[in-house]
Amino acid sequence: MFLIAKGIGYVPVPGAGDGVSAITELLKDPGLSDRAEVLFVLCGTKNKESRDLLSKALRDDDWSVRAAATQIIAQTAKAELRESLLPLFEDKNQRVRLRAAGAYLHLWALPGSNR
C-alpha cells in the first residue's frame, strides 16, 4: 500500500489519488470484515466472475462488504453495475450510502457513459 500511495501521484489520471485514499481509509477501519478485505484482492480485474461477486456483495448483510464492493466498482469503473448502486442510497449505514452516491456519480461522469 505504501508504494501504491506514493506512486499514485505519477499516474496521469485526475482523481486517482482520491480513490486510493478512500480505499486506504476503508482498509484502516477496525470494523472492516475479512470478507470485505478479500473483495479487494479478488475483484480488481474486469471479468464476469468479479462482476458477479461484486453484484452479490452489494446485497451482503455486512456493511463493510457493501462499502468495499461499492468502492471497488467505482475504482475499476464497472459502469455496468452503476444502477445496482441505487438501492444503497437508502442503506442503514452512512458509510455505505455516501460511497454508493460517490460511486454512482463517478460512473455517471465517465466518458461514454449512457446517462
Protein backbone atom coordinates (compact mmCIF):
# COMPACT_ATOMS: atom_id res chain seq x y z
CA MET A 1 0.00 0.00 0.00
CA PHE A 2 2.91 2.36 0.72
CA LEU A 3 4.25 2.06 -2.84
CA ILE A 4 0.82 2.50 -4.33
CA ALA A 5 0.10 5.56 -2.19
CA LYS A 6 3.45 7.18 -3.04
CA GLY A 7 3.45 6.25 -6.74
CA ILE A 8 -0.13 7.30 -7.42
CA GLY A 9 0.99 10.91 -7.79
CA TYR A 10 2.69 9.96 -11.03
CA VAL A 11 -0.43 8.50 -12.60
CA PRO A 12 -1.67 10.89 -15.32
CA VAL A 13 -5.34 10.43 -14.35
CA PRO A 14 -7.09 13.19 -12.41
CA GLY A 15 -8.55 11.97 -9.13
CA ALA A 16 -6.59 8.70 -8.99
CA GLY A 17 -5.11 9.67 -5.63
CA ASP A 18 -8.56 10.27 -4.17
CA GLY A 19 -9.61 6.71 -4.90
CA VAL A 20 -6.51 5.27 -3.28
CA SER A 21 -7.11 7.47 -0.23
CA ALA A 22 -10.68 6.21 0.05
CA ILE A 23 -9.53 2.59 -0.16
CA THR A 24 -6.76 3.19 2.39
CA GLU A 25 -9.21 4.75 4.84
CA LEU A 26 -11.64 1.88 4.39
CA LEU A 27 -8.89 -0.69 4.98
CA LYS A 28 -7.90 1.09 8.21
CA ASP A 29 -11.44 0.85 9.59
CA PRO A 30 -11.47 -1.58 12.54
CA GLY A 31 -14.99 -2.66 11.59
CA LEU A 32 -13.90 -3.94 8.18
CA SER A 33 -14.55 -7.66 7.90
CA ASP A 34 -12.18 -10.21 6.43
CA ARG A 35 -14.66 -10.84 3.61
CA ALA A 36 -14.52 -7.17 2.67
CA GLU A 37 -10.72 -7.28 2.53
CA VAL A 38 -10.85 -10.36 0.32
CA LEU A 39 -13.06 -8.48 -2.16
CA PHE A 40 -10.19 -6.05 -2.79
CA VAL A 41 -7.95 -8.97 -3.74
CA LEU A 42 -10.45 -10.91 -5.83
CA CYS A 43 -12.27 -8.15 -7.69
CA GLY A 44 -9.55 -5.88 -9.01
CA THR A 45 -10.00 -7.04 -12.59
CA LYS A 46 -12.83 -6.67 -15.07
CA ASN A 47 -14.30 -10.09 -15.70
CA LYS A 48 -17.64 -11.84 -15.32
CA GLU A 49 -16.69 -13.56 -12.08
CA SER A 50 -15.67 -10.36 -10.31
CA ARG A 51 -18.77 -8.56 -11.61
CA ASP A 52 -21.00 -11.34 -10.27
CA LEU A 53 -19.19 -11.37 -6.92
CA LEU A 54 -19.50 -7.58 -6.57
CA SER A 55 -23.16 -7.66 -7.51
CA LYS A 56 -23.78 -10.22 -4.78
CA ALA A 57 -21.62 -8.28 -2.28
CA LEU A 58 -23.83 -5.20 -2.72
CA ARG A 59 -26.63 -7.17 -1.04
CA ASP A 60 -24.49 -8.61 1.78
CA ASP A 61 -25.64 -8.28 5.41
CA ASP A 62 -22.25 -6.82 6.45
CA TRP A 63 -21.94 -3.06 5.87
CA SER A 64 -18.19 -3.32 5.27
CA VAL A 65 -18.69 -5.81 2.42
CA ARG A 66 -21.23 -3.48 0.79
CA ALA A 67 -18.89 -0.49 1.24
CA ALA A 68 -15.90 -2.37 -0.17
CA ALA A 69 -17.91 -3.57 -3.17
CA THR A 70 -19.09 -0.03 -3.83
CA GLN A 71 -15.55 1.34 -3.66
CA ILE A 72 -14.22 -1.38 -5.98
CA ILE A 73 -16.99 -0.74 -8.51
CA ALA A 74 -16.02 2.93 -8.65
CA GLN A 75 -12.27 2.31 -8.76
CA THR A 76 -12.43 -0.31 -11.50
CA ALA A 77 -15.02 1.69 -13.48
CA LYS A 78 -17.53 -1.15 -13.64
CA ALA A 79 -20.17 1.08 -15.23
CA GLU A 80 -22.40 -1.91 -15.94
CA LEU A 81 -23.05 -2.11 -12.16
CA ARG A 82 -23.95 1.58 -11.78
CA GLU A 83 -27.71 1.05 -11.47
CA SER A 84 -27.21 -1.67 -8.85
CA LEU A 85 -25.85 1.06 -6.55
CA LEU A 86 -29.22 2.86 -6.36
CA PRO A 87 -30.70 0.74 -3.52
CA LEU A 88 -27.64 1.58 -1.41
CA PHE A 89 -28.68 5.25 -1.37
CA GLU A 90 -31.07 4.20 1.39
CA ASP A 91 -28.68 1.87 3.21
CA LYS A 92 -28.86 1.94 7.00
CA ASN A 93 -25.11 2.64 7.21
CA GLN A 94 -23.99 6.16 6.32
CA ARG A 95 -20.57 4.99 5.07
CA VAL A 96 -22.28 2.75 2.54
CA ARG A 97 -24.76 5.47 1.46
CA LEU A 98 -22.01 8.04 0.87
CA ARG A 99 -19.78 5.62 -1.03
CA ALA A 100 -22.70 4.50 -3.18
CA ALA A 101 -23.60 8.07 -4.07
CA GLY A 102 -19.98 8.94 -4.86
CA ALA A 103 -19.50 5.78 -6.92
CA TYR A 104 -22.70 6.42 -8.86
CA LEU A 105 -21.66 9.98 -9.71
CA HIS A 106 -18.17 8.83 -10.66
CA LEU A 107 -19.54 6.20 -13.04
CA TRP A 108 -22.13 8.61 -14.40
CA ALA A 109 -19.44 11.13 -15.29
CA LEU A 110 -17.22 8.64 -17.15
CA PRO A 111 -16.73 9.38 -20.83
CA GLY A 112 -19.10 7.31 -22.94
CA SER A 113 -21.47 6.56 -20.07
CA ASN A 114 -25.05 6.41 -21.24
CA ARG A 115 -26.60 8.86 -18.83
